[in-house]
Protein backbone atom coordinates (compact mmCIF):
# COMPACT_ATOMS: atom_id res chain seq x y z
CA UNK A 1 -1.14 7.20 -24.16
CA UNK A 2 -3.74 6.26 -21.31
CA UNK A 3 -4.00 8.72 -18.82
CA UNK A 4 -3.76 8.34 -15.25
CA UNK A 5 -3.27 10.71 -11.79
CA UNK A 6 -1.74 9.46 -9.20
CA UNK A 7 -2.03 10.59 -5.27
CA UNK A 8 0.48 9.17 -2.87
CA UNK A 9 1.85 10.46 0.35
CA UNK A 10 3.18 9.52 3.75
CA UNK A 11 -0.05 7.98 6.24
CA UNK A 12 -2.04 10.69 7.73
CA UNK A 13 -1.39 13.47 5.31
CA UNK A 14 -5.32 13.39 3.81
CA UNK A 15 -4.25 11.15 0.23
CA UNK A 16 -7.78 9.81 -0.04
CA UNK A 17 -10.20 12.58 0.84
CA UNK A 18 -8.06 15.12 -1.58
CA UNK A 19 -8.40 12.04 -4.57
CA UNK A 20 -12.15 11.67 -3.69
CA UNK A 21 -12.57 15.67 -4.03
CA UNK A 22 -10.18 15.38 -7.26
CA UNK A 23 -12.38 12.43 -8.57
CA UNK A 24 -15.57 14.09 -7.81
CA UNK A 25 -14.41 17.37 -9.83
CA UNK A 26 -13.04 16.00 -12.97
CA UNK A 27 -15.46 12.81 -13.45
CA UNK A 28 -12.76 10.13 -11.93
CA UNK A 29 -13.18 7.06 -9.92
CA UNK A 30 -10.36 5.47 -7.49
CA UNK A 31 -8.43 2.95 -7.49
CA UNK A 32 -6.48 1.85 -4.00
CA UNK A 33 -2.93 1.06 -3.92
CA UNK A 34 -3.03 0.04 -0.43
CA UNK A 35 -1.29 -3.59 0.66
CA UNK A 36 -4.00 -4.27 2.98
CA UNK A 37 -7.06 -2.61 2.59
CA UNK A 38 -7.80 -5.23 0.00
CA UNK A 39 -8.72 -7.66 3.16
CA UNK A 40 -12.43 -7.77 4.21
CA UNK A 41 -13.05 -7.14 7.80
CA UNK A 42 -9.47 -5.19 8.25
CA UNK A 43 -11.35 -2.03 8.07
CA UNK A 44 -10.14 0.15 11.14
CA UNK A 45 -6.59 -0.70 11.25
CA UNK A 46 -6.00 0.08 7.48
CA UNK A 47 -7.75 3.26 7.57
CA UNK A 48 -10.80 2.39 5.55
CA UNK A 49 -12.35 5.67 5.31
CA UNK A 50 -15.27 4.95 3.83
CA UNK A 51 -16.94 8.50 4.31
CA UNK A 52 -14.17 10.25 2.27
CA UNK A 53 -15.40 8.68 -0.63
CA UNK A 54 -18.54 10.56 -0.77
CA UNK A 55 -18.00 14.59 -1.68
CA UNK A 56 -20.77 16.88 -2.14
CA UNK A 57 -23.58 14.05 -1.92
CA UNK A 58 -21.76 11.94 -4.24
CA UNK A 59 -20.19 8.55 -3.93
CA UNK A 60 -16.90 8.09 -5.75
CA UNK A 61 -16.45 4.29 -6.96
CA UNK A 62 -13.23 2.85 -5.67
CA UNK A 63 -11.87 -0.58 -6.67
CA UNK A 64 -9.26 -2.94 -4.82
CA UNK A 65 -10.99 -2.53 -1.39
CA UNK A 66 -12.59 -5.29 0.37
CA UNK A 67 -11.87 -8.24 -2.05
CA UNK A 68 -10.56 -10.86 -0.47
CA UNK A 69 -10.38 -12.57 2.96
CA UNK A 70 -7.25 -12.33 5.54
CA UNK A 71 -6.55 -15.53 5.01
CA UNK A 72 -6.09 -15.22 1.36
CA UNK A 73 -2.28 -14.04 -0.04
CA UNK A 74 -2.17 -10.73 -1.81
CA UNK A 75 1.06 -10.00 -3.56
CA UNK A 76 2.29 -7.63 -6.50
CA UNK A 77 1.21 -9.70 -9.11
CA UNK A 78 -2.36 -9.82 -7.77
CA UNK A 79 -2.26 -6.00 -7.44
CA UNK A 80 -0.84 -5.80 -11.07
CA UNK A 81 -3.76 -7.43 -12.57
CA UNK A 82 -6.31 -5.91 -10.46
CA UNK A 83 -5.54 -2.70 -10.74
CA UNK A 84 -5.53 -3.04 -14.70
CA UNK A 85 -8.58 -4.63 -14.67
CA UNK A 86 -10.16 -1.38 -12.81
CA UNK A 87 -8.19 0.86 -14.65
CA UNK A 88 -9.91 -0.45 -18.29
CA UNK A 89 -13.45 -0.72 -16.33
CA UNK A 90 -12.70 3.13 -15.55
CA UNK A 91 -11.76 4.29 -18.73
CA UNK A 92 -14.50 1.94 -20.49
CA UNK A 93 -17.06 4.46 -18.46
CA UNK A 94 -14.87 7.18 -20.21
CA UNK A 95 -13.68 8.33 -16.91
CA UNK A 96 -10.54 9.79 -15.22
CA UNK A 97 -8.69 6.86 -13.19
CA UNK A 98 -7.04 8.08 -9.95
CA UNK A 99 -4.69 6.22 -8.24
CA UNK A 100 -4.28 6.74 -4.70
CA UNK A 101 -2.30 5.13 -1.66
CA UNK A 102 0.98 4.69 0.57
CA UNK A 103 2.21 1.42 -0.64
CA UNK A 104 5.62 2.15 -2.28
CA UNK A 105 6.10 -1.08 -4.13
CA UNK A 106 2.58 -0.90 -5.43
CA UNK A 107 2.69 2.97 -6.62
CA UNK A 108 6.14 2.19 -8.24
CA UNK A 109 4.81 -0.71 -9.96
CA UNK A 110 2.57 1.42 -11.86
CA UNK A 111 4.54 4.60 -11.82
CA UNK A 112 8.14 2.79 -13.28
CA UNK A 113 6.09 0.05 -15.04
CA UNK A 114 7.91 -3.14 -13.55
CA UNK A 115 8.17 -6.31 -14.92
CA UNK A 116 6.18 -8.85 -12.76
CA UNK A 117 6.21 -13.03 -12.54
CA UNK A 118 3.73 -14.68 -11.47
CA UNK A 119 4.99 -16.94 -8.32
CA UNK A 120 3.38 -19.75 -6.41
CA UNK A 121 5.36 -19.08 -3.07
CA UNK A 122 3.60 -22.34 -1.57
CA UNK A 123 5.02 -24.62 -4.29
CA UNK A 124 7.12 -27.84 -3.62
CA UNK A 125 10.36 -25.76 -4.74
CA UNK A 126 10.53 -23.43 -1.90
CA UNK A 127 10.77 -26.22 0.66
CA UNK A 128 14.51 -26.43 -0.34
CA UNK A 129 15.26 -23.24 1.02
CA UNK A 130 13.58 -23.75 4.18
CA UNK A 131 16.72 -25.20 5.75
CA UNK A 132 18.97 -22.72 4.16
CA UNK A 133 20.99 -20.37 6.34
CA UNK A 134 19.77 -16.38 6.34
CA UNK A 135 23.61 -16.23 4.52
CA UNK A 136 23.00 -18.92 1.81
CA UNK A 137 19.44 -17.39 0.85
CA UNK A 138 20.91 -13.98 0.53
CA UNK A 139 23.64 -15.77 -1.87
CA UNK A 140 21.03 -16.94 -3.99
CA UNK A 141 18.62 -13.84 -3.63
CA UNK A 142 21.48 -11.47 -4.76
CA UNK A 143 21.58 -13.57 -7.94
CA UNK A 144 18.21 -12.62 -9.27
CA UNK A 145 17.92 -9.00 -7.63
CA UNK A 146 21.91 -7.09 -6.95
CA UNK A 147 20.18 -4.17 -5.66
CA UNK A 148 17.34 -4.60 -3.69
CA UNK A 149 15.19 -1.59 -3.07
CA UNK A 150 14.80 -1.89 0.50
CA UNK A 151 17.97 -3.01 2.36
CA UNK A 152 16.14 -4.86 5.42
CA UNK A 153 14.75 -7.37 2.59
CA UNK A 154 18.13 -8.71 3.05
CA UNK A 155 17.45 -9.69 6.30
CA UNK A 156 14.04 -11.43 6.56
CA UNK A 157 13.82 -15.16 5.20
CA UNK A 158 10.36 -14.69 4.18
CA UNK A 159 11.00 -11.81 1.88
CA UNK A 160 14.29 -13.67 0.64
CA UNK A 161 12.74 -17.15 -0.16
CA UNK A 162 9.89 -15.34 -2.42
CA UNK A 163 12.48 -13.20 -4.15
CA UNK A 164 14.20 -16.38 -5.07
CA UNK A 165 11.17 -18.10 -6.47
CA UNK A 166 10.53 -14.74 -8.11
CA UNK A 167 13.76 -14.97 -9.66
CA UNK A 168 13.76 -18.62 -10.48
CA UNK A 169 10.03 -18.19 -12.52
CA UNK A 170 10.08 -19.22 -16.39
CA UNK A 171 10.37 -16.22 -18.44
CA UNK A 172 7.23 -16.94 -20.06
CA UNK A 173 5.34 -15.71 -17.18
CA UNK A 174 6.55 -12.18 -17.35
CA UNK A 175 4.54 -9.37 -18.28
CA UNK A 176 5.25 -5.79 -17.97
CA UNK A 177 2.65 -2.86 -16.51
CA UNK A 178 2.05 -0.55 -19.66
CA UNK A 179 3.40 3.06 -19.27
CA UNK A 180 0.78 5.49 -18.41
CA UNK A 181 0.50 9.42 -19.05
CA UNK A 182 1.18 9.90 -15.13
CA UNK A 183 0.61 13.05 -13.50
CA UNK A 184 1.88 12.57 -9.80
CA UNK A 185 0.83 14.30 -6.84
CA UNK A 186 3.04 14.00 -3.47
CA UNK A 187 1.12 15.16 -0.39
CA UNK A 188 3.37 15.84 2.80
CA UNK A 189 3.39 17.71 5.84
CA UNK A 190 5.50 18.89 8.36
CA UNK A 191 7.30 15.80 10.45
CA UNK A 192 5.95 17.07 13.94
CA UNK A 193 2.07 17.61 12.30
CA UNK A 194 2.07 13.97 10.70
CA UNK A 195 3.17 12.59 14.09
CA UNK A 196 0.36 14.45 15.94
CA UNK A 197 -2.11 13.32 13.73
CA UNK A 198 -1.10 9.72 13.67
CA UNK A 199 -1.26 9.85 17.51
CA UNK A 200 -4.70 11.32 17.29
CA UNK A 201 -6.25 9.25 14.79
CA UNK A 202 -4.86 6.27 16.64
CA UNK A 203 -6.80 7.27 19.63
CA UNK A 204 -9.71 7.58 17.76
CA UNK A 205 -9.41 4.59 16.55
CA UNK A 206 -8.87 2.52 19.39
CA UNK A 207 -11.78 4.33 21.10
CA UNK A 208 -13.73 3.31 17.91
CA UNK A 209 -13.26 -0.38 18.52
CA UNK A 210 -9.85 -1.38 16.82
CA UNK A 211 -9.39 -3.81 19.62
CA UNK A 212 -12.45 -5.33 18.72
CA UNK A 213 -11.48 -5.66 14.69
CA UNK A 214 -8.43 -7.56 15.60
CA UNK A 215 -10.30 -10.10 18.08
CA UNK A 216 -12.78 -10.38 15.93
CA UNK A 217 -10.70 -11.60 13.11
CA UNK A 218 -8.82 -14.11 15.59
CA UNK A 219 -12.06 -15.32 16.20
CA UNK A 220 -12.91 -15.96 12.70
CA UNK A 221 -9.75 -17.98 12.36
CA UNK A 222 -7.17 -15.68 11.26
CA UNK A 223 -4.14 -16.75 13.17
CA UNK A 224 -1.80 -14.82 15.63
CA UNK A 225 1.23 -15.24 13.11
CA UNK A 226 -0.61 -14.16 10.30
CA UNK A 227 -2.18 -10.77 12.46
CA UNK A 228 1.52 -10.23 13.02
CA UNK A 229 2.71 -10.49 9.51
CA UNK A 230 0.11 -8.19 8.64
CA UNK A 231 2.17 -5.48 11.22
CA UNK A 232 1.45 -2.09 12.68
CA UNK A 233 -2.01 -2.42 14.05
CA UNK A 234 -2.56 -5.83 13.88
CA UNK A 235 0.83 -6.80 15.09
CA UNK A 236 0.55 -4.79 18.22
CA UNK A 237 -2.93 -5.29 19.34
CA UNK A 238 -2.46 -8.74 18.64
CA UNK A 239 0.31 -8.96 20.97
CA UNK A 240 -1.84 -7.15 23.35
CA UNK A 241 -4.49 -9.39 23.29
CA UNK A 242 -2.50 -12.37 23.70
CA UNK A 243 -0.95 -11.50 26.96
CA UNK A 244 2.90 -10.30 25.61
CA UNK A 245 2.13 -6.59 26.20
CA UNK A 246 0.45 -4.72 28.36
CA UNK A 247 -2.23 -1.71 26.70
CA UNK A 248 0.25 1.25 27.47
CA UNK A 249 3.12 -0.23 25.73
CA UNK A 250 0.89 -1.61 22.90
CA UNK A 251 -0.10 2.00 22.42
CA UNK A 252 3.22 3.73 22.75
CA UNK A 253 5.14 1.16 20.67
CA UNK A 254 2.14 1.27 18.13
CA UNK A 255 2.09 4.77 17.65
CA UNK A 256 6.01 4.78 17.04
CA UNK A 257 6.10 2.09 15.00
CA UNK A 258 3.51 4.12 12.74
CA UNK A 259 5.53 7.27 12.70
CA UNK A 260 8.68 5.41 11.28
CA UNK A 261 6.07 4.20 8.45
CA UNK A 262 5.38 7.36 7.51
CA UNK A 263 9.34 7.98 7.29
CA UNK A 264 9.94 5.20 5.65
CA UNK A 265 7.27 6.24 3.09
CA UNK A 266 9.31 9.24 2.11
CA UNK A 267 12.48 7.31 2.08
CA UNK A 268 10.69 5.33 -0.79
CA UNK A 269 9.53 8.38 -2.68
CA UNK A 270 12.59 9.78 -2.68
CA UNK A 271 13.88 6.89 -4.07
CA UNK A 272 11.25 7.16 -6.86
CA UNK A 273 12.24 10.75 -7.42
CA UNK A 274 16.21 9.86 -7.69
CA UNK A 275 14.78 7.16 -10.41
CA UNK A 276 13.41 9.93 -12.59
CA UNK A 277 10.17 9.93 -11.64
CA UNK A 278 8.69 13.62 -11.41
CA UNK A 279 6.42 14.01 -8.09
CA UNK A 280 4.34 17.21 -7.87
CA UNK A 281 4.38 17.74 -3.93
CA UNK A 282 1.80 19.65 -2.04
CA UNK A 283 2.14 20.57 1.55
CA UNK A 284 -1.07 19.21 2.82
CA UNK A 285 -3.44 18.21 0.81
CA UNK A 286 -4.29 21.33 -1.33
CA UNK A 287 -7.47 20.82 -3.27
CA UNK A 288 -7.04 24.20 -5.43
CA UNK A 289 -3.42 23.49 -6.46
CA UNK A 290 -4.16 19.98 -7.08
CA UNK A 291 -7.13 21.16 -8.76
CA UNK A 292 -4.76 23.18 -11.25
CA UNK A 293 -2.23 20.44 -11.82
CA UNK A 294 -4.88 17.88 -13.03
CA UNK A 295 -6.39 20.93 -15.18
CA UNK A 296 -3.27 21.44 -17.05
CA UNK A 297 -2.50 17.77 -16.82
CA UNK A 298 -5.93 17.41 -18.92
CA UNK A 299 -5.39 20.06 -21.25
CA UNK A 300 -1.95 19.17 -22.53
């Protein structure tokens, strides 16, 4: 069975740097599992810490970063296709694939070998659902997904409509991600320390030009609604740039939202564990302990 090492955890715990250190040590390359780092020009806001990929003077190859424009759609199906392509390239080069990131849905798809369907979310069919009430959409959605992964999806019109369109797709378009021999390493931290790191990182990124980054995206044709849909940094900085909130409110609301996001990430990982995924947790990005886990995995 093909081998894979997955590094997951909440934001600001040092996943990427640890993955790069392990990849350098074990002749590996990294596939990103981040739903926003795929977009070009979205660097500071998505935390593309390119320096983390250089270890002992060696630049570790990475995939699924900077592959499409912000105006383009990228979804779970697209991630899965790109992941499999990258995995094949890495293994063909006789190197070890590392999957690293914090987007729970993307991680689960690979680790729990989801069945996926390719869906056109802009089809004529979707127009039939635009005028339905939220209750009518919920009823239709629950026909296809009686146990939603995230309950708040039931309050989001766009998520409901997408879920219905996916459920209606012809089963011939379904493909299942393969089962990997997968070592899953989780990096966690004490909540107050993570909150401190989030705030410090946010101040640094704002000082380094994150507001200018969002303004540049707007100047290059990315709509206000599109930026808000990206959430977190792009949502609140867009609200600030369009005069809807002041700087202090932007900072405080964004800081709190990132901390809440980190909490939701941990909730997702605990759900994965309840569903049978074995996660080897580390308290912080402990290279020594992680290396021992990878060594045992490769020698098994």
